[in-house]
Amino acid sequence: MYIPRQYVDDFFGLLNDHSINYALIKNIGDELPLNLSDGKDIDILVSSESKQQFENAMLEHGYHTHIHPFGTANGWYFGYELPEHQFWRKEDNQYNFYIDASFALCCKSLIPKVWIPLDRKINESVWENKTFNEQNCFWQMDERNLLIYLLVRCIFDKQYFSDVYIPEIEKRENLLADSYVREALRLVFFKFTPKLVDLIINKKFTSIIKEYISFMEY
């Protein structure tokens, strides 16, 4: 069962109406606004300056915070002064409509149950380059930062490249030649970056995690 489009439109409408500085982090398979499964959350990034304004707006419009499945209440630690994520639910007896809000672009560390922020330059670039989706009326991450995030998520958060994520990466493969993308990847993967790019171009996704973990040429 899918969440009705009106719920999705109303959520982004309230963010826009309250002038919240936000960006949709990802929209895998273009599931928004029509194909969001009941119980699946929308991942957004909210600027630290808009955090209090965002919380007030969510409460005003019938959302309530819930224990985050990957938050401190469940034994997770947020390193380097990273603000904890917030998990919101629209109070509705018919649908399970969730919002997962982060206040800095981040990933899971290879150390169990630790979240760490991505480099400041990447986080600043997200706000400088976010784009407005005219068709669906929401702000989203630009294509270059989205590609970086998809790779980070597969390697650190999921630790595998799923059949859902691979097509999203391949759609943006041409951006691997972009100077900003290369520089940003080096901020995350350091000297493994050329190897990572080569593996992607040659579609060796099943080898990436093993190659990264065993890489020694730093």
N, C-alpha and C. Protein backbone atom coordinates (compact mmCIF):
# COMPACT_ATOMS: atom_id res chain seq x y z
N MET A 1 0.85 -1.19 0.00
CA MET A 1 0.00 0.00 0.00
C MET A 1 0.89 1.24 0.00
N TYR A 2 0.51 2.22 -0.81
CA TYR A 2 1.29 3.45 -0.92
C TYR A 2 0.66 4.59 -0.11
N ILE A 3 1.51 5.47 0.36
CA ILE A 3 1.05 6.69 1.02
C ILE A 3 0.40 7.59 -0.04
N PRO A 4 -0.77 8.13 0.21
CA PRO A 4 -1.40 9.02 -0.78
C PRO A 4 -0.51 10.22 -1.11
N ARG A 5 -0.49 10.62 -2.35
CA ARG A 5 0.35 11.74 -2.78
C ARG A 5 0.08 12.99 -1.96
N GLN A 6 -1.16 13.20 -1.54
CA GLN A 6 -1.51 14.41 -0.82
C GLN A 6 -0.69 14.55 0.46
N TYR A 7 -0.39 13.41 1.12
CA TYR A 7 0.41 13.45 2.33
C TYR A 7 1.82 13.98 2.03
N VAL A 8 2.38 13.47 0.93
CA VAL A 8 3.73 13.88 0.53
C VAL A 8 3.73 15.36 0.15
N ASP A 9 2.75 15.77 -0.66
CA ASP A 9 2.66 17.16 -1.09
C ASP A 9 2.46 18.09 0.10
N ASP A 10 1.62 17.69 1.03
CA ASP A 10 1.35 18.54 2.20
C ASP A 10 2.61 18.70 3.06
N PHE A 11 3.39 17.62 3.18
CA PHE A 11 4.60 17.69 3.99
C PHE A 11 5.58 18.70 3.40
N PHE A 12 5.88 18.56 2.12
CA PHE A 12 6.81 19.50 1.51
C PHE A 12 6.22 20.90 1.44
N GLY A 13 4.91 20.98 1.33
CA GLY A 13 4.25 22.28 1.34
C GLY A 13 4.47 23.01 2.65
N LEU A 14 4.40 22.28 3.78
CA LEU A 14 4.58 22.94 5.07
C LEU A 14 6.03 23.41 5.23
N LEU A 15 6.99 22.63 4.70
CA LEU A 15 8.38 23.06 4.77
C LEU A 15 8.59 24.33 3.94
N ASN A 16 8.00 24.35 2.77
CA ASN A 16 8.13 25.52 1.90
C ASN A 16 7.43 26.73 2.50
N ASP A 17 6.23 26.51 3.03
CA ASP A 17 5.45 27.63 3.59
C ASP A 17 6.15 28.25 4.80
N HIS A 18 6.89 27.43 5.55
CA HIS A 18 7.59 27.93 6.74
C HIS A 18 9.03 28.34 6.44
N SER A 19 9.37 28.35 5.15
CA SER A 19 10.72 28.78 4.71
C SER A 19 11.83 28.00 5.40
N ILE A 20 11.61 26.68 5.56
CA ILE A 20 12.64 25.82 6.14
C ILE A 20 13.73 25.58 5.10
N ASN A 21 14.97 25.69 5.51
CA ASN A 21 16.08 25.38 4.61
C ASN A 21 16.32 23.87 4.69
N TYR A 22 15.86 23.15 3.67
CA TYR A 22 15.92 21.68 3.67
C TYR A 22 16.29 21.18 2.29
N ALA A 23 16.61 19.89 2.21
CA ALA A 23 16.83 19.23 0.93
C ALA A 23 16.46 17.76 1.07
N LEU A 24 15.71 17.25 0.13
CA LEU A 24 15.45 15.82 0.07
C LEU A 24 16.78 15.12 -0.21
N ILE A 25 17.13 14.15 0.61
CA ILE A 25 18.44 13.52 0.48
C ILE A 25 18.48 12.59 -0.74
N LYS A 26 17.46 11.77 -0.89
CA LYS A 26 17.44 10.85 -2.03
C LYS A 26 16.00 10.51 -2.37
N ASN A 27 15.83 10.07 -3.60
CA ASN A 27 14.50 9.66 -4.08
C ASN A 27 14.72 8.46 -4.99
N ILE A 28 15.09 7.34 -4.36
CA ILE A 28 15.46 6.14 -5.10
C ILE A 28 14.27 5.62 -5.91
N GLY A 29 14.52 5.42 -7.20
CA GLY A 29 13.46 4.92 -8.07
C GLY A 29 12.31 5.87 -8.25
N ASP A 30 12.56 7.16 -7.97
CA ASP A 30 11.49 8.17 -8.09
C ASP A 30 10.23 7.75 -7.33
N GLU A 31 10.43 7.26 -6.10
CA GLU A 31 9.28 6.80 -5.33
C GLU A 31 8.39 7.95 -4.86
N LEU A 32 8.96 9.14 -4.79
CA LEU A 32 8.17 10.31 -4.42
C LEU A 32 7.75 11.06 -5.68
N PRO A 33 6.52 11.51 -5.72
CA PRO A 33 5.52 11.52 -4.63
C PRO A 33 4.50 10.39 -4.67
N LEU A 34 4.54 9.52 -5.70
CA LEU A 34 3.44 8.58 -5.90
C LEU A 34 3.65 7.19 -5.33
N ASN A 35 4.89 6.77 -5.15
CA ASN A 35 5.14 5.36 -4.83
C ASN A 35 5.88 5.16 -3.51
N LEU A 36 5.57 5.96 -2.52
CA LEU A 36 6.16 5.79 -1.19
C LEU A 36 5.35 4.74 -0.44
N SER A 37 6.01 3.63 -0.10
CA SER A 37 5.31 2.54 0.59
C SER A 37 4.89 2.96 2.00
N ASP A 38 3.75 2.48 2.42
CA ASP A 38 3.27 2.73 3.77
C ASP A 38 4.29 2.19 4.76
N GLY A 39 4.74 3.04 5.69
CA GLY A 39 5.72 2.65 6.69
C GLY A 39 7.14 3.01 6.34
N LYS A 40 7.39 3.42 5.09
CA LYS A 40 8.74 3.82 4.70
C LYS A 40 8.89 5.31 4.92
N ASP A 41 10.08 5.75 5.36
CA ASP A 41 10.26 7.15 5.70
C ASP A 41 10.82 7.96 4.54
N ILE A 42 10.64 9.28 4.62
CA ILE A 42 11.25 10.24 3.71
C ILE A 42 12.49 10.78 4.40
N ASP A 43 13.64 10.72 3.73
CA ASP A 43 14.90 11.21 4.30
C ASP A 43 15.15 12.64 3.85
N ILE A 44 15.24 13.55 4.79
CA ILE A 44 15.54 14.94 4.46
C ILE A 44 16.71 15.46 5.28
N LEU A 45 17.34 16.47 4.75
CA LEU A 45 18.40 17.19 5.45
C LEU A 45 17.87 18.57 5.78
N VAL A 46 18.01 18.99 7.03
CA VAL A 46 17.56 20.31 7.48
C VAL A 46 18.77 21.07 7.99
N SER A 47 18.93 22.32 7.57
CA SER A 47 20.08 23.10 8.02
C SER A 47 19.99 23.33 9.53
N SER A 48 21.13 23.44 10.16
CA SER A 48 21.15 23.65 11.61
C SER A 48 20.44 24.94 12.00
N GLU A 49 20.51 25.94 11.11
CA GLU A 49 19.85 27.23 11.38
C GLU A 49 18.33 27.10 11.38
N SER A 50 17.81 26.10 10.66
CA SER A 50 16.36 25.91 10.56
C SER A 50 15.82 24.87 11.53
N LYS A 51 16.68 24.30 12.36
CA LYS A 51 16.30 23.17 13.21
C LYS A 51 15.12 23.50 14.11
N GLN A 52 15.18 24.59 14.87
CA GLN A 52 14.09 24.93 15.78
C GLN A 52 12.82 25.28 15.02
N GLN A 53 12.98 26.00 13.94
CA GLN A 53 11.83 26.36 13.09
C GLN A 53 11.18 25.11 12.52
N PHE A 54 12.00 24.15 12.11
CA PHE A 54 11.49 22.89 11.58
C PHE A 54 10.70 22.14 12.65
N GLU A 55 11.25 22.03 13.86
CA GLU A 55 10.57 21.32 14.94
C GLU A 55 9.22 21.96 15.26
N ASN A 56 9.20 23.29 15.32
CA ASN A 56 7.95 24.00 15.62
C ASN A 56 6.90 23.75 14.54
N ALA A 57 7.33 23.77 13.28
CA ALA A 57 6.40 23.57 12.16
C ALA A 57 5.85 22.15 12.17
N MET A 58 6.68 21.18 12.47
CA MET A 58 6.23 19.79 12.49
C MET A 58 5.19 19.58 13.58
N LEU A 59 5.44 20.10 14.76
CA LEU A 59 4.48 19.97 15.85
C LEU A 59 3.17 20.68 15.52
N GLU A 60 3.28 21.84 14.91
CA GLU A 60 2.10 22.62 14.54
C GLU A 60 1.21 21.87 13.55
N HIS A 61 1.81 21.03 12.73
CA HIS A 61 1.05 20.33 11.68
C HIS A 61 0.79 18.86 12.01
N GLY A 62 0.82 18.51 13.28
CA GLY A 62 0.36 17.19 13.69
C GLY A 62 1.39 16.08 13.62
N TYR A 63 2.66 16.42 13.58
CA TYR A 63 3.71 15.40 13.61
C TYR A 63 4.25 15.28 15.03
N HIS A 64 4.69 14.09 15.39
CA HIS A 64 5.26 13.87 16.72
C HIS A 64 6.53 13.04 16.59
N THR A 65 7.50 13.31 17.45
CA THR A 65 8.77 12.58 17.39
C THR A 65 8.61 11.19 17.97
N HIS A 66 9.36 10.25 17.41
CA HIS A 66 9.41 8.88 17.87
C HIS A 66 10.86 8.49 18.07
N ILE A 67 11.09 7.44 18.83
CA ILE A 67 12.46 6.95 19.03
C ILE A 67 13.04 6.54 17.69
N HIS A 68 14.19 7.09 17.39
CA HIS A 68 14.83 6.78 16.11
C HIS A 68 15.44 5.38 16.18
N PRO A 69 15.19 4.53 15.16
CA PRO A 69 15.75 3.17 15.21
C PRO A 69 17.27 3.15 15.23
N PHE A 70 17.90 4.23 14.75
CA PHE A 70 19.37 4.30 14.75
C PHE A 70 19.85 5.51 15.55
N GLY A 71 19.19 5.75 16.69
CA GLY A 71 19.53 6.89 17.53
C GLY A 71 20.12 6.46 18.87
N THR A 72 20.36 7.44 19.72
CA THR A 72 21.01 7.18 21.01
C THR A 72 20.21 6.24 21.91
N ALA A 73 18.88 6.30 21.81
CA ALA A 73 18.05 5.43 22.64
C ALA A 73 18.27 3.96 22.30
N ASN A 74 18.77 3.71 21.10
CA ASN A 74 19.04 2.33 20.68
C ASN A 74 20.55 2.04 20.61
N GLY A 75 21.31 2.84 21.36
CA GLY A 75 22.73 2.53 21.53
C GLY A 75 23.67 3.11 20.49
N TRP A 76 23.16 4.04 19.67
CA TRP A 76 24.02 4.66 18.66
C TRP A 76 24.68 5.92 19.22
N TYR A 77 25.87 6.22 18.70
CA TYR A 77 26.64 7.39 19.14
C TYR A 77 26.86 8.31 17.95
N PHE A 78 26.76 9.62 18.20
CA PHE A 78 26.94 10.62 17.15
C PHE A 78 28.26 11.35 17.39
N GLY A 79 29.24 11.07 16.54
CA GLY A 79 30.57 11.60 16.73
C GLY A 79 30.78 12.98 16.13
N TYR A 80 31.86 13.63 16.58
CA TYR A 80 32.29 14.93 16.05
C TYR A 80 31.19 16.00 16.17
N GLU A 81 30.46 15.97 17.28
CA GLU A 81 29.40 16.95 17.56
C GLU A 81 28.29 16.92 16.51
N LEU A 82 28.09 15.77 15.89
CA LEU A 82 27.01 15.60 14.93
C LEU A 82 25.67 15.59 15.65
N PRO A 83 24.72 16.46 15.25
CA PRO A 83 23.40 16.44 15.91
C PRO A 83 22.67 15.12 15.63
N GLU A 84 21.95 14.66 16.61
CA GLU A 84 21.21 13.41 16.43
C GLU A 84 20.06 13.59 15.44
N HIS A 85 19.80 12.52 14.65
CA HIS A 85 18.67 12.54 13.73
C HIS A 85 17.36 12.64 14.52
N GLN A 86 16.32 13.05 13.83
CA GLN A 86 14.98 13.05 14.42
C GLN A 86 14.06 12.20 13.55
N PHE A 87 13.20 11.43 14.22
CA PHE A 87 12.26 10.56 13.52
C PHE A 87 10.85 11.03 13.86
N TRP A 88 10.11 11.45 12.85
CA TRP A 88 8.78 12.02 13.04
C TRP A 88 7.71 11.14 12.39
N ARG A 89 6.52 11.15 12.99
CA ARG A 89 5.39 10.43 12.41
C ARG A 89 4.16 11.34 12.40
N LYS A 90 3.48 11.34 11.28
CA LYS A 90 2.21 12.06 11.18
C LYS A 90 1.17 11.25 11.95
N GLU A 91 0.51 11.89 12.90
CA GLU A 91 -0.49 11.18 13.69
C GLU A 91 -1.71 10.88 12.82
N ASP A 92 -1.80 9.63 12.40
CA ASP A 92 -2.84 9.20 11.46
C ASP A 92 -3.10 7.72 11.73
N ASN A 93 -4.36 7.35 11.86
CA ASN A 93 -4.70 5.97 12.16
C ASN A 93 -4.71 5.08 10.93
N GLN A 94 -4.65 5.69 9.74
CA GLN A 94 -4.77 4.92 8.51
C GLN A 94 -3.43 4.59 7.87
N TYR A 95 -2.47 5.54 7.93
CA TYR A 95 -1.19 5.35 7.26
C TYR A 95 -0.04 5.59 8.24
N ASN A 96 1.07 4.94 7.97
CA ASN A 96 2.30 5.14 8.74
C ASN A 96 3.23 6.01 7.91
N PHE A 97 3.17 7.30 8.15
CA PHE A 97 3.90 8.28 7.35
C PHE A 97 5.02 8.86 8.21
N TYR A 98 6.28 8.51 7.86
CA TYR A 98 7.43 8.87 8.69
C TYR A 98 8.37 9.83 7.96
N ILE A 99 9.02 10.68 8.76
CA ILE A 99 10.05 11.58 8.26
C ILE A 99 11.32 11.35 9.07
N ASP A 100 12.42 11.11 8.37
CA ASP A 100 13.72 10.94 9.01
C ASP A 100 14.55 12.18 8.69
N ALA A 101 14.76 13.03 9.69
CA ALA A 101 15.44 14.31 9.48
C ALA A 101 16.85 14.27 10.05
N SER A 102 17.82 14.64 9.22
CA SER A 102 19.21 14.79 9.65
C SER A 102 19.60 16.25 9.56
N PHE A 103 20.60 16.64 10.34
CA PHE A 103 21.00 18.04 10.38
C PHE A 103 22.41 18.26 9.85
N ALA A 104 22.98 17.19 9.31
CA ALA A 104 24.24 17.24 8.56
C ALA A 104 24.30 15.97 7.76
N LEU A 105 24.86 16.04 6.58
CA LEU A 105 25.01 14.85 5.76
C LEU A 105 26.06 13.96 6.43
N CYS A 106 25.70 12.71 6.68
CA CYS A 106 26.56 11.85 7.47
C CYS A 106 26.47 10.41 7.00
N CYS A 107 27.22 9.54 7.66
CA CYS A 107 27.17 8.12 7.34
C CYS A 107 27.53 7.32 8.58
N LYS A 108 27.29 6.03 8.51
CA LYS A 108 27.70 5.14 9.59
C LYS A 108 29.20 4.92 9.51
N SER A 109 29.87 4.98 10.63
CA SER A 109 31.29 4.66 10.67
C SER A 109 31.48 3.15 10.56
N LEU A 110 32.68 2.73 10.20
CA LEU A 110 32.98 1.30 10.22
C LEU A 110 33.05 0.78 11.65
N ILE A 111 33.17 1.71 12.61
CA ILE A 111 33.04 1.35 14.03
C ILE A 111 31.55 1.13 14.30
N PRO A 112 31.15 0.01 14.87
CA PRO A 112 29.72 -0.28 15.06
C PRO A 112 28.98 0.81 15.84
N LYS A 113 27.80 1.13 15.37
CA LYS A 113 26.86 2.03 16.03
C LYS A 113 27.40 3.44 16.25
N VAL A 114 28.14 3.95 15.29
CA VAL A 114 28.65 5.32 15.35
C VAL A 114 28.33 6.04 14.04
N TRP A 115 27.70 7.21 14.15
CA TRP A 115 27.45 8.08 13.01
C TRP A 115 28.53 9.16 12.97
N ILE A 116 29.00 9.48 11.76
CA ILE A 116 29.99 10.55 11.61
C ILE A 116 29.57 11.46 10.45
N PRO A 117 29.85 12.75 10.54
CA PRO A 117 29.49 13.66 9.46
C PRO A 117 30.45 13.53 8.28
N LEU A 118 29.96 13.80 7.09
CA LEU A 118 30.85 13.92 5.95
C LEU A 118 31.61 15.24 6.07
N ASP A 119 32.67 15.37 5.28
CA ASP A 119 33.51 16.56 5.34
C ASP A 119 32.68 17.84 5.23
N ARG A 120 33.12 18.87 5.94
CA ARG A 120 32.39 20.14 5.96
C ARG A 120 32.21 20.71 4.55
N LYS A 121 33.22 20.54 3.70
CA LYS A 121 33.12 21.06 2.34
C LYS A 121 31.95 20.44 1.59
N ILE A 122 31.72 19.14 1.79
CA ILE A 122 30.60 18.46 1.14
C ILE A 122 29.28 18.98 1.71
N ASN A 123 29.21 19.12 3.03
CA ASN A 123 27.97 19.61 3.64
C ASN A 123 27.65 21.04 3.19
N GLU A 124 28.66 21.87 3.08
CA GLU A 124 28.42 23.23 2.61
C GLU A 124 27.97 23.24 1.16
N SER A 125 28.54 22.36 0.36
CA SER A 125 28.18 22.28 -1.05
C SER A 125 26.73 21.87 -1.25
N VAL A 126 26.22 21.03 -0.37
CA VAL A 126 24.82 20.61 -0.47
C VAL A 126 23.89 21.82 -0.44
N TRP A 127 24.16 22.74 0.49
CA TRP A 127 23.29 23.92 0.61
C TRP A 127 23.52 24.91 -0.52
N GLU A 128 24.75 24.99 -1.00
CA GLU A 128 25.05 25.92 -2.08
C GLU A 128 24.47 25.47 -3.42
N ASN A 129 24.26 24.16 -3.57
CA ASN A 129 23.90 23.63 -4.89
C ASN A 129 22.57 22.88 -4.93
N LYS A 130 21.80 22.89 -3.86
CA LYS A 130 20.52 22.19 -3.89
C LYS A 130 19.65 22.77 -5.00
N THR A 131 18.75 21.96 -5.52
CA THR A 131 17.92 22.38 -6.66
C THR A 131 16.44 22.21 -6.30
N PHE A 132 15.61 23.00 -6.97
CA PHE A 132 14.17 22.91 -6.72
C PHE A 132 13.51 22.08 -7.81
N ASN A 133 12.80 21.04 -7.39
CA ASN A 133 12.06 20.19 -8.31
C ASN A 133 10.72 20.88 -8.61
N GLU A 134 10.64 21.49 -9.78
CA GLU A 134 9.45 22.27 -10.12
C GLU A 134 8.20 21.41 -10.22
N GLN A 135 8.36 20.19 -10.71
CA GLN A 135 7.20 19.32 -10.90
C GLN A 135 6.58 18.90 -9.58
N ASN A 136 7.43 18.61 -8.59
CA ASN A 136 6.92 18.09 -7.32
C ASN A 136 7.03 19.08 -6.16
N CYS A 137 7.59 20.25 -6.45
CA CYS A 137 7.63 21.35 -5.47
C CYS A 137 8.39 20.98 -4.19
N PHE A 138 9.57 20.39 -4.36
CA PHE A 138 10.42 20.20 -3.18
C PHE A 138 11.87 20.46 -3.56
N TRP A 139 12.66 20.86 -2.54
CA TRP A 139 14.09 21.06 -2.72
C TRP A 139 14.79 19.72 -2.59
N GLN A 140 15.82 19.50 -3.41
CA GLN A 140 16.53 18.23 -3.38
C GLN A 140 18.02 18.46 -3.57
N MET A 141 18.81 17.46 -3.19
CA MET A 141 20.25 17.55 -3.40
C MET A 141 20.56 17.57 -4.89
N ASP A 142 21.61 18.29 -5.25
CA ASP A 142 22.03 18.31 -6.65
C ASP A 142 22.62 16.97 -7.05
N GLU A 143 22.74 16.74 -8.34
CA GLU A 143 23.15 15.45 -8.86
C GLU A 143 24.56 15.05 -8.41
N ARG A 144 25.48 15.98 -8.34
CA ARG A 144 26.85 15.64 -7.97
C ARG A 144 26.93 15.16 -6.52
N ASN A 145 26.32 15.91 -5.61
CA ASN A 145 26.35 15.50 -4.21
C ASN A 145 25.51 14.25 -3.96
N LEU A 146 24.47 14.07 -4.76
CA LEU A 146 23.67 12.86 -4.63
C LEU A 146 24.49 11.63 -5.00
N LEU A 147 25.27 11.72 -6.06
CA LEU A 147 26.13 10.59 -6.44
C LEU A 147 27.12 10.26 -5.32
N ILE A 148 27.72 11.28 -4.76
CA ILE A 148 28.66 11.06 -3.65
C ILE A 148 27.94 10.36 -2.49
N TYR A 149 26.75 10.85 -2.16
CA TYR A 149 26.01 10.27 -1.05
C TYR A 149 25.61 8.82 -1.32
N LEU A 150 25.19 8.52 -2.54
CA LEU A 150 24.79 7.15 -2.87
C LEU A 150 25.96 6.18 -2.67
N LEU A 151 27.15 6.60 -3.08
CA LEU A 151 28.33 5.76 -2.91
C LEU A 151 28.68 5.60 -1.43
N VAL A 152 28.61 6.69 -0.69
CA VAL A 152 28.88 6.64 0.75
C VAL A 152 27.89 5.73 1.45
N ARG A 153 26.64 5.85 1.08
CA ARG A 153 25.60 5.04 1.72
C ARG A 153 25.80 3.55 1.45
N CYS A 154 26.11 3.21 0.21
CA CYS A 154 26.32 1.80 -0.12
C CYS A 154 27.52 1.22 0.61
N ILE A 155 28.61 1.99 0.69
CA ILE A 155 29.84 1.46 1.27
C ILE A 155 29.82 1.46 2.79
N PHE A 156 29.33 2.54 3.39
CA PHE A 156 29.37 2.64 4.85
C PHE A 156 28.07 2.19 5.52
N ASP A 157 26.93 2.69 5.04
CA ASP A 157 25.67 2.40 5.73
C ASP A 157 25.15 0.99 5.45
N LYS A 158 25.13 0.61 4.17
CA LYS A 158 24.58 -0.68 3.79
C LYS A 158 25.64 -1.76 3.67
N GLN A 159 26.84 -1.37 3.29
CA GLN A 159 27.97 -2.27 3.06
C GLN A 159 27.69 -3.30 1.98
N TYR A 160 26.89 -2.88 1.01
CA TYR A 160 26.69 -3.64 -0.22
C TYR A 160 25.99 -2.73 -1.23
N PHE A 161 26.11 -3.09 -2.50
CA PHE A 161 25.48 -2.34 -3.58
C PHE A 161 24.25 -3.11 -4.05
N SER A 162 23.09 -2.62 -3.70
CA SER A 162 21.86 -3.35 -4.00
C SER A 162 21.42 -3.09 -5.44
N ASP A 163 20.49 -3.92 -5.90
CA ASP A 163 19.95 -3.78 -7.25
C ASP A 163 19.13 -2.50 -7.40
N VAL A 164 18.78 -1.88 -6.28
CA VAL A 164 18.05 -0.62 -6.32
C VAL A 164 19.01 0.55 -6.48
N TYR A 165 20.14 0.49 -5.79
CA TYR A 165 21.10 1.60 -5.80
C TYR A 165 21.98 1.61 -7.05
N ILE A 166 22.34 0.45 -7.55
CA ILE A 166 23.25 0.39 -8.70
C ILE A 166 22.72 1.19 -9.89
N PRO A 167 21.45 1.05 -10.30
CA PRO A 167 20.96 1.85 -11.43
C PRO A 167 21.02 3.36 -11.16
N GLU A 168 20.81 3.77 -9.91
CA GLU A 168 20.87 5.18 -9.57
C GLU A 168 22.30 5.71 -9.73
N ILE A 169 23.27 4.88 -9.38
CA ILE A 169 24.68 5.27 -9.54
C ILE A 169 25.05 5.29 -11.02
N GLU A 170 24.62 4.28 -11.75
CA GLU A 170 24.95 4.21 -13.17
C GLU A 170 24.35 5.36 -13.96
N LYS A 171 23.19 5.85 -13.55
CA LYS A 171 22.58 6.99 -14.23
C LYS A 171 23.45 8.24 -14.14
N ARG A 172 24.29 8.29 -13.11
CA ARG A 172 25.11 9.47 -12.85
C ARG A 172 26.60 9.19 -13.06
N GLU A 173 26.89 8.09 -13.71
CA GLU A 173 28.27 7.66 -13.89
C GLU A 173 29.13 8.72 -14.58
N ASN A 174 28.54 9.47 -15.50
CA ASN A 174 29.31 10.50 -16.22
C ASN A 174 29.86 11.57 -15.29
N LEU A 175 29.25 11.74 -14.12
CA LEU A 175 29.70 12.76 -13.17
C LEU A 175 30.99 12.36 -12.46
N LEU A 176 31.41 11.13 -12.61
CA LEU A 176 32.66 10.70 -12.00
C LEU A 176 33.86 11.43 -12.58
N ALA A 177 33.69 12.02 -13.76
CA ALA A 177 34.77 12.80 -14.37
C ALA A 177 34.78 14.25 -13.90
N ASP A 178 33.75 14.64 -13.15
CA ASP A 178 33.64 16.02 -12.67
C ASP A 178 34.69 16.29 -11.59
N SER A 179 35.33 17.45 -11.66
CA SER A 179 36.42 17.76 -10.73
C SER A 179 35.94 17.86 -9.29
N TYR A 180 34.75 18.43 -9.08
CA TYR A 180 34.24 18.52 -7.71
C TYR A 180 33.95 17.13 -7.16
N VAL A 181 33.34 16.28 -7.96
CA VAL A 181 33.01 14.92 -7.51
C VAL A 181 34.28 14.18 -7.13
N ARG A 182 35.31 14.27 -7.95
CA ARG A 182 36.57 13.59 -7.64
C ARG A 182 37.18 14.12 -6.34
N GLU A 183 37.16 15.44 -6.19
CA GLU A 183 37.73 16.04 -4.98
C GLU A 183 36.94 15.62 -3.75
N ALA A 184 35.61 15.64 -3.84
CA ALA A 184 34.78 15.27 -2.70
C ALA A 184 34.96 13.80 -2.34
N LEU A 185 35.05 12.94 -3.35
CA LEU A 185 35.28 11.52 -3.07
C LEU A 185 36.61 11.31 -2.36
N ARG A 186 37.61 12.11 -2.70
CA ARG A 186 38.91 11.99 -2.03
C ARG A 186 38.82 12.41 -0.56
N LEU A 187 37.91 13.31 -0.25
CA LEU A 187 37.72 13.72 1.14
C LEU A 187 37.15 12.58 1.98
N VAL A 188 36.50 11.64 1.30
CA VAL A 188 35.89 10.50 2.00
C VAL A 188 36.75 9.24 1.87
N PHE A 189 37.19 8.95 0.65
CA PHE A 189 37.85 7.68 0.38
C PHE A 189 39.37 7.81 0.17
N PHE A 190 39.87 9.01 0.21
CA PHE A 190 41.31 9.27 0.11
C PHE A 190 41.90 8.59 -1.13
N LYS A 191 43.02 7.87 -0.97
CA LYS A 191 43.72 7.30 -2.13
C LYS A 191 43.01 6.12 -2.77
N PHE A 192 41.92 5.67 -2.15
CA PHE A 192 41.12 4.61 -2.76
C PHE A 192 40.24 5.15 -3.89
N THR A 193 40.11 6.47 -3.99
CA THR A 193 39.19 7.08 -4.96
C THR A 193 39.41 6.62 -6.39
N PRO A 194 40.63 6.66 -6.94
CA PRO A 194 40.81 6.19 -8.34
C PRO A 194 40.37 4.74 -8.52
N LYS A 195 40.66 3.90 -7.54
CA LYS A 195 40.24 2.50 -7.61
C LYS A 195 38.73 2.39 -7.58
N LEU A 196 38.09 3.17 -6.72
CA LEU A 196 36.63 3.17 -6.63
C LEU A 196 36.01 3.56 -7.96
N VAL A 197 36.50 4.63 -8.56
CA VAL A 197 35.98 5.10 -9.84
C VAL A 197 36.15 4.03 -10.91
N ASP A 198 37.30 3.40 -10.93
CA ASP A 198 37.57 2.36 -11.92
C ASP A 198 36.61 1.18 -11.75
N LEU A 199 36.36 0.77 -10.52
CA LEU A 199 35.45 -0.34 -10.27
C LEU A 199 34.02 -0.01 -10.71
N ILE A 200 33.61 1.24 -10.50
CA ILE A 200 32.27 1.65 -10.92
C ILE A 200 32.16 1.66 -12.44
N ILE A 201 33.12 2.26 -13.09
CA ILE A 201 33.10 2.35 -14.55
C ILE A 201 33.07 0.95 -15.17
N ASN A 202 33.79 0.01 -14.56
CA ASN A 202 33.84 -1.36 -15.08
C ASN A 202 32.75 -2.25 -14.50
N LYS A 203 31.81 -1.61 -13.77
CA LYS A 203 30.63 -2.28 -13.24
C LYS A 203 30.97 -3.48 -12.34
N LYS A 204 32.00 -3.31 -11.54
CA LYS A 204 32.40 -4.37 -10.61
C LYS A 204 31.90 -4.02 -9.20
N PHE A 205 30.61 -3.81 -9.10
CA PHE A 205 30.03 -3.37 -7.84
C PHE A 205 30.18 -4.39 -6.72
N THR A 206 30.15 -5.67 -7.08
CA THR A 206 30.26 -6.69 -6.03
C THR A 206 31.64 -6.75 -5.41
N SER A 207 32.63 -6.12 -6.05
CA SER A 207 34.00 -6.15 -5.55
C SER A 207 34.36 -4.94 -4.70
N ILE A 208 33.52 -3.90 -4.73
CA ILE A 208 33.91 -2.63 -4.14
C ILE A 208 34.15 -2.72 -2.63
N ILE A 209 33.24 -3.32 -1.89
CA ILE A 209 33.38 -3.36 -0.44
C ILE A 209 34.65 -4.12 -0.04
N LYS A 210 34.86 -5.28 -0.63
CA LYS A 210 36.05 -6.07 -0.31
C LYS A 210 37.32 -5.31 -0.65
N GLU A 211 37.33 -4.66 -1.82
CA GLU A 211 38.50 -3.90 -2.24
C GLU A 211 38.76 -2.72 -1.29
N TYR A 212 37.70 -2.08 -0.85
CA TYR A 212 37.85 -0.93 0.05
C TYR A 212 38.39 -1.36 1.41
N ILE A 213 37.83 -2.41 1.97
CA ILE A 213 38.24 -2.87 3.29
C ILE A 213 39.69 -3.34 3.28
N SER A 214 40.11 -3.92 2.18
CA SER A 214 41.46 -4.49 2.12
C SER A 214 42.51 -3.53 1.53
N PHE A 215 42.08 -2.34 1.15
CA PHE A 215 42.99 -1.39 0.50
C PHE A 215 44.08 -0.95 1.49
N MET A 216 45.33 -0.98 1.04
CA MET A 216 46.45 -0.69 1.94
C MET A 216 47.36 0.42 1.44
N GLU A 217 47.09 0.98 0.28
CA GLU A 217 48.05 1.89 -0.36
C GLU A 217 47.85 3.36 0.05
N TYR A 218 47.67 3.60 1.34
CA TYR A 218 47.47 4.96 1.83
C TYR A 218 48.81 5.65 2.10
